[in-house]
Amino acid sequence: MVWVSTTQRCLICEMLGERQETRTESAHLNGTTGAKGSNWYVVPLCAWEHHQHGKFSEHALQGEFWSFWGMDKDTVLCGLWEKFKARKT
């Protein structure tokens, strides 16, 4: 979803109060490794550190990502949906 990658900051950088160093990517949550999931189930993560390449990235931690960062995936998705619905078109 383009809205996520163009308007939202990385969830983890924001939670940690860190400056985001790379662009935001839409991280797909419902695909298998190597397969892109639905564009309706994406969250904003910075391209390098928290999405694909960092030691504690979504790709590195896989199924442990959400518990490692102390977040509930469904709560995050619902919050993003609320922001998306409330946006000015």
PDB file of N, CA and C in Angstrom:
ATOM      1  N   MET A   1       0.850  -1.161   0.000  1.00  0.00           N
ATOM      2  CA  MET A   1       0.000   0.000   0.000  1.00  0.00           C
ATOM      3  C   MET A   1       0.903   1.233   0.000  1.00  0.00           C
ATOM      4  N   VAL A   2       0.763   2.037  -1.014  1.00  0.00           N
ATOM      5  CA  VAL A   2       1.599   3.218  -1.177  1.00  0.00           C
ATOM      6  C   VAL A   2       1.422   4.186  -0.011  1.00  0.00           C
ATOM      7  N   TRP A   3       0.224   4.292   0.505  1.00  0.00           N
ATOM      8  CA  TRP A   3      -0.037   5.217   1.621  1.00  0.00           C
ATOM      9  C   TRP A   3       0.903   4.946   2.797  1.00  0.00           C
ATOM     10  N   VAL A   4       1.130   3.683   3.113  1.00  0.00           N
ATOM     11  CA  VAL A   4       1.996   3.318   4.243  1.00  0.00           C
ATOM     12  C   VAL A   4       3.422   3.781   4.004  1.00  0.00           C
ATOM     13  N   SER A   5       3.959   3.486   2.841  1.00  0.00           N
ATOM     14  CA  SER A   5       5.374   3.792   2.585  1.00  0.00           C
ATOM     15  C   SER A   5       5.638   5.263   2.301  1.00  0.00           C
ATOM     16  N   THR A   6       4.609   6.024   1.952  1.00  0.00           N
ATOM     17  CA  THR A   6       4.837   7.442   1.633  1.00  0.00           C
ATOM     18  C   THR A   6       4.399   8.405   2.731  1.00  0.00           C
ATOM     19  N   THR A   7       3.621   7.939   3.700  1.00  0.00           N
ATOM     20  CA  THR A   7       3.129   8.869   4.726  1.00  0.00           C
ATOM     21  C   THR A   7       3.471   8.471   6.154  1.00  0.00           C
ATOM     22  N   GLN A   8       3.945   7.249   6.362  1.00  0.00           N
ATOM     23  CA  GLN A   8       4.170   6.767   7.725  1.00  0.00           C
ATOM     24  C   GLN A   8       5.649   6.565   8.013  1.00  0.00           C
ATOM     25  N   ARG A   9       6.025   6.827   9.265  1.00  0.00           N
ATOM     26  CA  ARG A   9       7.389   6.550   9.720  1.00  0.00           C
ATOM     27  C   ARG A   9       7.498   5.096  10.141  1.00  0.00           C
ATOM     28  N   CYS A  10       8.712   4.603  10.212  1.00  0.00           N
ATOM     29  CA  CYS A  10       8.980   3.251  10.696  1.00  0.00           C
ATOM     30  C   CYS A  10       8.408   3.087  12.112  1.00  0.00           C
ATOM     31  N   LEU A  11       7.657   2.020  12.319  1.00  0.00           N
ATOM     32  CA  LEU A  11       7.066   1.753  13.636  1.00  0.00           C
ATOM     33  C   LEU A  11       8.116   1.689  14.736  1.00  0.00           C
ATOM     34  N   ILE A  12       9.210   1.021  14.463  1.00  0.00           N
ATOM     35  CA  ILE A  12      10.226   0.803  15.491  1.00  0.00           C
ATOM     36  C   ILE A  12      11.025   2.079  15.754  1.00  0.00           C
ATOM     37  N   CYS A  13      11.438   2.772  14.695  1.00  0.00           N
ATOM     38  CA  CYS A  13      12.155   4.038  14.888  1.00  0.00           C
ATOM     39  C   CYS A  13      11.302   5.007  15.697  1.00  0.00           C
ATOM     40  N   GLU A  14      10.014   5.062  15.384  1.00  0.00           N
ATOM     41  CA  GLU A  14       9.113   5.958  16.106  1.00  0.00           C
ATOM     42  C   GLU A  14       8.987   5.546  17.568  1.00  0.00           C
ATOM     43  N   MET A  15       8.815   4.257  17.811  1.00  0.00           N
ATOM     44  CA  MET A  15       8.676   3.760  19.179  1.00  0.00           C
ATOM     45  C   MET A  15       9.929   4.065  20.004  1.00  0.00           C
ATOM     46  N   LEU A  16      11.106   3.935  19.381  1.00  0.00           N
ATOM     47  CA  LEU A  16      12.370   4.164  20.083  1.00  0.00           C
ATOM     48  C   LEU A  16      12.771   5.637  20.129  1.00  0.00           C
ATOM     49  N   GLY A  17      12.037   6.484  19.403  1.00  0.00           N
ATOM     50  CA  GLY A  17      12.389   7.904  19.341  1.00  0.00           C
ATOM     51  C   GLY A  17      13.659   8.149  18.545  1.00  0.00           C
ATOM     52  N   GLU A  18      13.951   7.260  17.609  1.00  0.00           N
ATOM     53  CA  GLU A  18      15.162   7.374  16.798  1.00  0.00           C
ATOM     54  C   GLU A  18      14.880   8.099  15.492  1.00  0.00           C
ATOM     55  N   ARG A  19      15.908   8.707  14.960  1.00  0.00           N
ATOM     56  CA  ARG A  19      15.830   9.308  13.634  1.00  0.00           C
ATOM     57  C   ARG A  19      15.846   8.187  12.608  1.00  0.00           C
ATOM     58  N   GLN A  20      14.911   8.210  11.684  1.00  0.00           N
ATOM     59  CA  GLN A  20      14.847   7.189  10.649  1.00  0.00           C
ATOM     60  C   GLN A  20      15.856   7.514   9.561  1.00  0.00           C
ATOM     61  N   GLU A  21      16.789   6.606   9.298  1.00  0.00           N
ATOM     62  CA  GLU A  21      17.895   6.846   8.373  1.00  0.00           C
ATOM     63  C   GLU A  21      17.585   6.473   6.925  1.00  0.00           C
ATOM     64  N   THR A  22      16.668   5.539   6.704  1.00  0.00           N
ATOM     65  CA  THR A  22      16.356   5.087   5.348  1.00  0.00           C
ATOM     66  C   THR A  22      14.861   5.242   5.093  1.00  0.00           C
ATOM     67  N   ARG A  23      14.474   5.102   3.842  1.00  0.00           N
ATOM     68  CA  ARG A  23      13.071   5.278   3.465  1.00  0.00           C
ATOM     69  C   ARG A  23      12.187   4.241   4.149  1.00  0.00           C
ATOM     70  N   THR A  24      10.908   4.538   4.224  1.00  0.00           N
ATOM     71  CA  THR A  24       9.932   3.598   4.765  1.00  0.00           C
ATOM     72  C   THR A  24       9.499   2.632   3.670  1.00  0.00           C
ATOM     73  N   GLU A  25       9.408   1.366   4.035  1.00  0.00           N
ATOM     74  CA  GLU A  25       8.877   0.353   3.131  1.00  0.00           C
ATOM     75  C   GLU A  25       7.622  -0.251   3.757  1.00  0.00           C
ATOM     76  N   SER A  26       6.749  -0.759   2.900  1.00  0.00           N
ATOM     77  CA  SER A  26       5.564  -1.479   3.365  1.00  0.00           C
ATOM     78  C   SER A  26       5.949  -2.935   3.576  1.00  0.00           C
ATOM     79  N   ALA A  27       6.043  -3.340   4.829  1.00  0.00           N
ATOM     80  CA  ALA A  27       6.409  -4.719   5.154  1.00  0.00           C
ATOM     81  C   ALA A  27       5.154  -5.583   5.139  1.00  0.00           C
ATOM     82  N   HIS A  28       5.123  -6.577   4.261  1.00  0.00           N
ATOM     83  CA  HIS A  28       3.970  -7.468   4.142  1.00  0.00           C
ATOM     84  C   HIS A  28       3.979  -8.500   5.266  1.00  0.00           C
ATOM     85  N   LEU A  29       2.849  -8.654   5.927  1.00  0.00           N
ATOM     86  CA  LEU A  29       2.791  -9.513   7.103  1.00  0.00           C
ATOM     87  C   LEU A  29       2.223 -10.895   6.870  1.00  0.00           C
ATOM     88  N   ASN A  30       1.544 -11.120   5.775  1.00  0.00           N
ATOM     89  CA  ASN A  30       0.852 -12.391   5.635  1.00  0.00           C
ATOM     90  C   ASN A  30       1.388 -13.290   4.534  1.00  0.00           C
ATOM     91  N   GLY A  31       2.569 -13.012   4.055  1.00  0.00           N
ATOM     92  CA  GLY A  31       3.160 -13.874   3.032  1.00  0.00           C
ATOM     93  C   GLY A  31       4.133 -14.849   3.658  1.00  0.00           C
ATOM     94  N   THR A  32       4.516 -15.839   2.899  1.00  0.00           N
ATOM     95  CA  THR A  32       5.557 -16.751   3.352  1.00  0.00           C
ATOM     96  C   THR A  32       6.885 -16.172   2.889  1.00  0.00           C
ATOM     97  N   THR A  33       7.963 -16.653   3.427  1.00  0.00           N
ATOM     98  CA  THR A  33       9.274 -16.148   3.052  1.00  0.00           C
ATOM     99  C   THR A  33       9.452 -16.230   1.542  1.00  0.00           C
ATOM    100  N   GLY A  34       9.784 -15.105   0.950  1.00  0.00           N
ATOM    101  CA  GLY A  34       9.994 -15.044  -0.485  1.00  0.00           C
ATOM    102  C   GLY A  34       8.732 -14.793  -1.285  1.00  0.00           C
ATOM    103  N   ALA A  35       7.572 -14.798  -0.628  1.00  0.00           N
ATOM    104  CA  ALA A  35       6.304 -14.557  -1.326  1.00  0.00           C
ATOM    105  C   ALA A  35       5.660 -13.293  -0.769  1.00  0.00           C
ATOM    106  N   LYS A  36       5.286 -12.401  -1.644  1.00  0.00           N
ATOM    107  CA  LYS A  36       4.663 -11.153  -1.225  1.00  0.00           C
ATOM    108  C   LYS A  36       3.233 -11.429  -0.780  1.00  0.00           C
ATOM    109  N   GLY A  37       2.864 -10.895   0.371  1.00  0.00           N
ATOM    110  CA  GLY A  37       1.506 -11.055   0.877  1.00  0.00           C
ATOM    111  C   GLY A  37       0.597  -9.962   0.344  1.00  0.00           C
ATOM    112  N   SER A  38      -0.589  -9.912   0.873  1.00  0.00           N
ATOM    113  CA  SER A  38      -1.597  -8.946   0.466  1.00  0.00           C
ATOM    114  C   SER A  38      -1.171  -7.519   0.818  1.00  0.00           C
ATOM    115  N   ASN A  39      -1.514  -6.576  -0.048  1.00  0.00           N
ATOM    116  CA  ASN A  39      -1.214  -5.161   0.220  1.00  0.00           C
ATOM    117  C   ASN A  39      -2.076  -4.581   1.323  1.00  0.00           C
ATOM    118  N   TRP A  40      -3.043  -5.308   1.815  1.00  0.00           N
ATOM    119  CA  TRP A  40      -3.889  -4.829   2.910  1.00  0.00           C
ATOM    120  C   TRP A  40      -3.271  -5.133   4.268  1.00  0.00           C
ATOM    121  N   TYR A  41      -2.274  -5.985   4.318  1.00  0.00           N
ATOM    122  CA  TYR A  41      -1.635  -6.359   5.584  1.00  0.00           C
ATOM    123  C   TYR A  41      -0.175  -5.952   5.569  1.00  0.00           C
ATOM    124  N   VAL A  42       0.049  -4.646   5.647  1.00  0.00           N
ATOM    125  CA  VAL A  42       1.406  -4.102   5.635  1.00  0.00           C
ATOM    126  C   VAL A  42       1.591  -3.127   6.789  1.00  0.00           C
ATOM    127  N   VAL A  43       2.812  -3.016   7.247  1.00  0.00           N
ATOM    128  CA  VAL A  43       3.170  -2.036   8.272  1.00  0.00           C
ATOM    129  C   VAL A  43       4.402  -1.281   7.798  1.00  0.00           C
ATOM    130  N   PRO A  44       4.568  -0.035   8.259  1.00  0.00           N
ATOM    131  CA  PRO A  44       5.722   0.754   7.845  1.00  0.00           C
ATOM    132  C   PRO A  44       6.974   0.404   8.657  1.00  0.00           C
ATOM    133  N   LEU A  45       8.008   0.009   7.951  1.00  0.00           N
ATOM    134  CA  LEU A  45       9.304  -0.256   8.585  1.00  0.00           C
ATOM    135  C   LEU A  45      10.392   0.378   7.732  1.00  0.00           C
ATOM    136  N   CYS A  46      11.437   0.898   8.373  1.00  0.00           N
ATOM    137  CA  CYS A  46      12.531   1.483   7.602  1.00  0.00           C
ATOM    138  C   CYS A  46      13.218   0.384   6.800  1.00  0.00           C
ATOM    139  N   ALA A  47      13.633   0.752   5.607  1.00  0.00           N
ATOM    140  CA  ALA A  47      14.117  -0.225   4.623  1.00  0.00           C
ATOM    141  C   ALA A  47      15.257  -1.097   5.137  1.00  0.00           C
ATOM    142  N   TRP A  48      16.199  -0.516   5.825  1.00  0.00           N
ATOM    143  CA  TRP A  48      17.398  -1.266   6.180  1.00  0.00           C
ATOM    144  C   TRP A  48      17.307  -1.905   7.565  1.00  0.00           C
ATOM    145  N   GLU A  49      17.275  -1.096   8.586  1.00  0.00           N
ATOM    146  CA  GLU A  49      17.452  -1.575   9.957  1.00  0.00           C
ATOM    147  C   GLU A  49      16.314  -2.460  10.473  1.00  0.00           C
ATOM    148  N   HIS A  50      15.068  -2.073  10.239  1.00  0.00           N
ATOM    149  CA  HIS A  50      13.958  -2.787  10.868  1.00  0.00           C
ATOM    150  C   HIS A  50      13.121  -3.649   9.928  1.00  0.00           C
ATOM    151  N   HIS A  51      13.320  -3.503   8.620  1.00  0.00           N
ATOM    152  CA  HIS A  51      12.563  -4.353   7.699  1.00  0.00           C
ATOM    153  C   HIS A  51      13.386  -5.543   7.219  1.00  0.00           C
ATOM    154  N   GLN A  52      14.535  -5.286   6.577  1.00  0.00           N
ATOM    155  CA  GLN A  52      15.205  -6.392   5.902  1.00  0.00           C
ATOM    156  C   GLN A  52      16.556  -6.827   6.439  1.00  0.00           C
ATOM    157  N   HIS A  53      17.411  -5.912   6.845  1.00  0.00           N
ATOM    158  CA  HIS A  53      18.806  -6.289   7.047  1.00  0.00           C
ATOM    159  C   HIS A  53      19.349  -6.199   8.475  1.00  0.00           C
ATOM    160  N   GLY A  54      18.708  -5.470   9.333  1.00  0.00           N
ATOM    161  CA  GLY A  54      19.227  -5.299  10.687  1.00  0.00           C
ATOM    162  C   GLY A  54      19.148  -6.581  11.508  1.00  0.00           C
ATOM    163  N   LYS A  55      19.939  -6.639  12.550  1.00  0.00           N
ATOM    164  CA  LYS A  55      19.984  -7.811  13.427  1.00  0.00           C
ATOM    165  C   LYS A  55      18.612  -8.105  14.032  1.00  0.00           C
ATOM    166  N   PHE A  56      17.837  -7.045  14.289  1.00  0.00           N
ATOM    167  CA  PHE A  56      16.516  -7.205  14.897  1.00  0.00           C
ATOM    168  C   PHE A  56      15.404  -6.789  13.936  1.00  0.00           C
ATOM    169  N   SER A  57      15.633  -7.030  12.646  1.00  0.00           N
ATOM    170  CA  SER A  57      14.655  -6.677  11.616  1.00  0.00           C
ATOM    171  C   SER A  57      13.559  -7.735  11.519  1.00  0.00           C
ATOM    172  N   GLU A  58      12.499  -7.384  10.815  1.00  0.00           N
ATOM    173  CA  GLU A  58      11.398  -8.318  10.597  1.00  0.00           C
ATOM    174  C   GLU A  58      11.880  -9.563   9.860  1.00  0.00           C
ATOM    175  N   HIS A  59      12.756  -9.405   8.889  1.00  0.00           N
ATOM    176  CA  HIS A  59      13.263 -10.563   8.144  1.00  0.00           C
ATOM    177  C   HIS A  59      14.173 -11.438   9.014  1.00  0.00           C
ATOM    178  N   ALA A  60      14.976 -10.834   9.864  1.00  0.00           N
ATOM    179  CA  ALA A  60      15.890 -11.610  10.712  1.00  0.00           C
ATOM    180  C   ALA A  60      15.136 -12.344  11.827  1.00  0.00           C
ATOM    181  N   LEU A  61      14.193 -11.665  12.450  1.00  0.00           N
ATOM    182  CA  LEU A  61      13.477 -12.256  13.584  1.00  0.00           C
ATOM    183  C   LEU A  61      12.278 -13.109  13.171  1.00  0.00           C
ATOM    184  N   GLN A  62      11.802 -12.892  11.969  1.00  0.00           N
ATOM    185  CA  GLN A  62      10.650 -13.608  11.419  1.00  0.00           C
ATOM    186  C   GLN A  62       9.494 -13.635  12.414  1.00  0.00           C
ATOM    187  N   GLY A  63       9.058 -14.797  12.831  1.00  0.00           N
ATOM    188  CA  GLY A  63       7.890 -14.918  13.709  1.00  0.00           C
ATOM    189  C   GLY A  63       8.076 -14.324  15.095  1.00  0.00           C
ATOM    190  N   GLU A  64       9.305 -14.033  15.481  1.00  0.00           N
ATOM    191  CA  GLU A  64       9.574 -13.464  16.805  1.00  0.00           C
ATOM    192  C   GLU A  64       9.588 -11.931  16.815  1.00  0.00           C
ATOM    193  N   PHE A  65       9.448 -11.324  15.637  1.00  0.00           N
ATOM    194  CA  PHE A  65       9.561  -9.871  15.513  1.00  0.00           C
ATOM    195  C   PHE A  65       8.624  -9.134  16.458  1.00  0.00           C
ATOM    196  N   TRP A  66       7.371  -9.477  16.469  1.00  0.00           N
ATOM    197  CA  TRP A  66       6.375  -8.736  17.259  1.00  0.00           C
ATOM    198  C   TRP A  66       6.602  -8.898  18.751  1.00  0.00           C
ATOM    199  N   SER A  67       6.885 -10.106  19.198  1.00  0.00           N
ATOM    200  CA  SER A  67       7.122 -10.295  20.631  1.00  0.00           C
ATOM    201  C   SER A  67       8.440  -9.653  21.056  1.00  0.00           C
ATOM    202  N   PHE A  68       9.462  -9.697  20.210  1.00  0.00           N
ATOM    203  CA  PHE A  68      10.735  -9.062  20.535  1.00  0.00           C
ATOM    204  C   PHE A  68      10.540  -7.578  20.805  1.00  0.00           C
ATOM    205  N   TRP A  69       9.749  -6.909  19.961  1.00  0.00           N
ATOM    206  CA  TRP A  69       9.529  -5.471  20.101  1.00  0.00           C
ATOM    207  C   TRP A  69       8.368  -5.133  21.031  1.00  0.00           C
ATOM    208  N   GLY A  70       7.709  -6.141  21.586  1.00  0.00           N
ATOM    209  CA  GLY A  70       6.634  -5.915  22.550  1.00  0.00           C
ATOM    210  C   GLY A  70       5.391  -5.293  21.937  1.00  0.00           C
ATOM    211  N   MET A  71       5.094  -5.672  20.708  1.00  0.00           N
ATOM    212  CA  MET A  71       3.925  -5.127  20.014  1.00  0.00           C
ATOM    213  C   MET A  71       2.982  -6.249  19.616  1.00  0.00           C
ATOM    214  N   ASP A  72       1.707  -5.884  19.522  1.00  0.00           N
ATOM    215  CA  ASP A  72       0.700  -6.805  19.024  1.00  0.00           C
ATOM    216  C   ASP A  72       0.399  -6.451  17.571  1.00  0.00           C
ATOM    217  N   LYS A  73       0.628  -7.384  16.673  1.00  0.00           N
ATOM    218  CA  LYS A  73       0.469  -7.148  15.239  1.00  0.00           C
ATOM    219  C   LYS A  73      -0.940  -6.667  14.901  1.00  0.00           C
ATOM    220  N   ASP A  74      -1.957  -7.295  15.461  1.00  0.00           N
ATOM    221  CA  ASP A  74      -3.338  -6.919  15.144  1.00  0.00           C
ATOM    222  C   ASP A  74      -3.669  -5.510  15.624  1.00  0.00           C
ATOM    223  N   THR A  75      -3.162  -5.136  16.780  1.00  0.00           N
ATOM    224  CA  THR A  75      -3.388  -3.782  17.301  1.00  0.00           C
ATOM    225  C   THR A  75      -2.732  -2.747  16.391  1.00  0.00           C
ATOM    226  N   VAL A  76      -1.521  -3.037  15.943  1.00  0.00           N
ATOM    227  CA  VAL A  76      -0.818  -2.133  15.032  1.00  0.00           C
ATOM    228  C   VAL A  76      -1.590  -1.992  13.724  1.00  0.00           C
ATOM    229  N   LEU A  77      -2.026  -3.112  13.147  1.00  0.00           N
ATOM    230  CA  LEU A  77      -2.784  -3.069  11.901  1.00  0.00           C
ATOM    231  C   LEU A  77      -4.082  -2.281  12.059  1.00  0.00           C
ATOM    232  N   CYS A  78      -4.791  -2.499  13.154  1.00  0.00           N
ATOM    233  CA  CYS A  78      -6.041  -1.760  13.395  1.00  0.00           C
ATOM    234  C   CYS A  78      -5.770  -0.262  13.503  1.00  0.00           C
ATOM    235  N   GLY A  79      -4.698   0.114  14.182  1.00  0.00           N
ATOM    236  CA  GLY A  79      -4.332   1.524  14.287  1.00  0.00           C
ATOM    237  C   GLY A  79      -4.027   2.142  12.933  1.00  0.00           C
ATOM    238  N   LEU A  80      -3.327   1.410  12.096  1.00  0.00           N
ATOM    239  CA  LEU A  80      -3.030   1.905  10.746  1.00  0.00           C
ATOM    240  C   LEU A  80      -4.304   2.047   9.918  1.00  0.00           C
ATOM    241  N   TRP A  81      -5.210   1.076  10.045  1.00  0.00           N
ATOM    242  CA  TRP A  81      -6.476   1.157   9.322  1.00  0.00           C
ATOM    243  C   TRP A  81      -7.256   2.397   9.746  1.00  0.00           C
ATOM    244  N   GLU A  82      -7.261   2.686  11.049  1.00  0.00           N
ATOM    245  CA  GLU A  82      -7.975   3.871  11.544  1.00  0.00           C
ATOM    246  C   GLU A  82      -7.360   5.148  10.975  1.00  0.00           C
ATOM    247  N   LYS A  83      -6.040   5.220  10.950  1.00  0.00           N
ATOM    248  CA  LYS A  83      -5.358   6.381  10.357  1.00  0.00           C
ATOM    249  C   LYS A  83      -5.698   6.509   8.876  1.00  0.00           C
ATOM    250  N   PHE A  84      -5.702   5.375   8.179  1.00  0.00           N
ATOM    251  CA  PHE A  84      -5.992   5.379   6.737  1.00  0.00           C
ATOM    252  C   PHE A  84      -7.414   5.848   6.479  1.00  0.00           C
ATOM    253  N   LYS A  85      -8.370   5.354   7.251  1.00  0.00           N
ATOM    254  CA  LYS A  85      -9.766   5.757   7.055  1.00  0.00           C
ATOM    255  C   LYS A  85     -10.002   7.221   7.399  1.00  0.00           C
ATOM    256  N   ALA A  86      -9.229   7.751   8.346  1.00  0.00           N
ATOM    257  CA  ALA A  86      -9.421   9.123   8.813  1.00  0.00           C
ATOM    258  C   ALA A  86      -8.698  10.157   7.954  1.00  0.00           C
ATOM    259  N   ARG A  87      -7.867   9.697   7.010  1.00  0.00           N
ATOM    260  CA  ARG A  87      -7.089  10.640   6.210  1.00  0.00           C
ATOM    261  C   ARG A  87      -8.012  11.504   5.354  1.00  0.00           C
ATOM    262  N   LYS A  88      -7.505  12.663   5.006  1.00  0.00           N
ATOM    263  CA  LYS A  88      -8.259  13.546   4.115  1.00  0.00           C
ATOM    264  C   LYS A  88      -7.960  13.143   2.684  1.00  0.00           C
ATOM    265  N   THR A  89      -8.986  12.940   1.900  1.00  0.00           N
ATOM    266  CA  THR A  89      -8.785  12.508   0.522  1.00  0.00           C
ATOM    267  C   THR A  89      -8.894  13.666  -0.443  1.00  0.00           C
TER     268      THR A  89
END
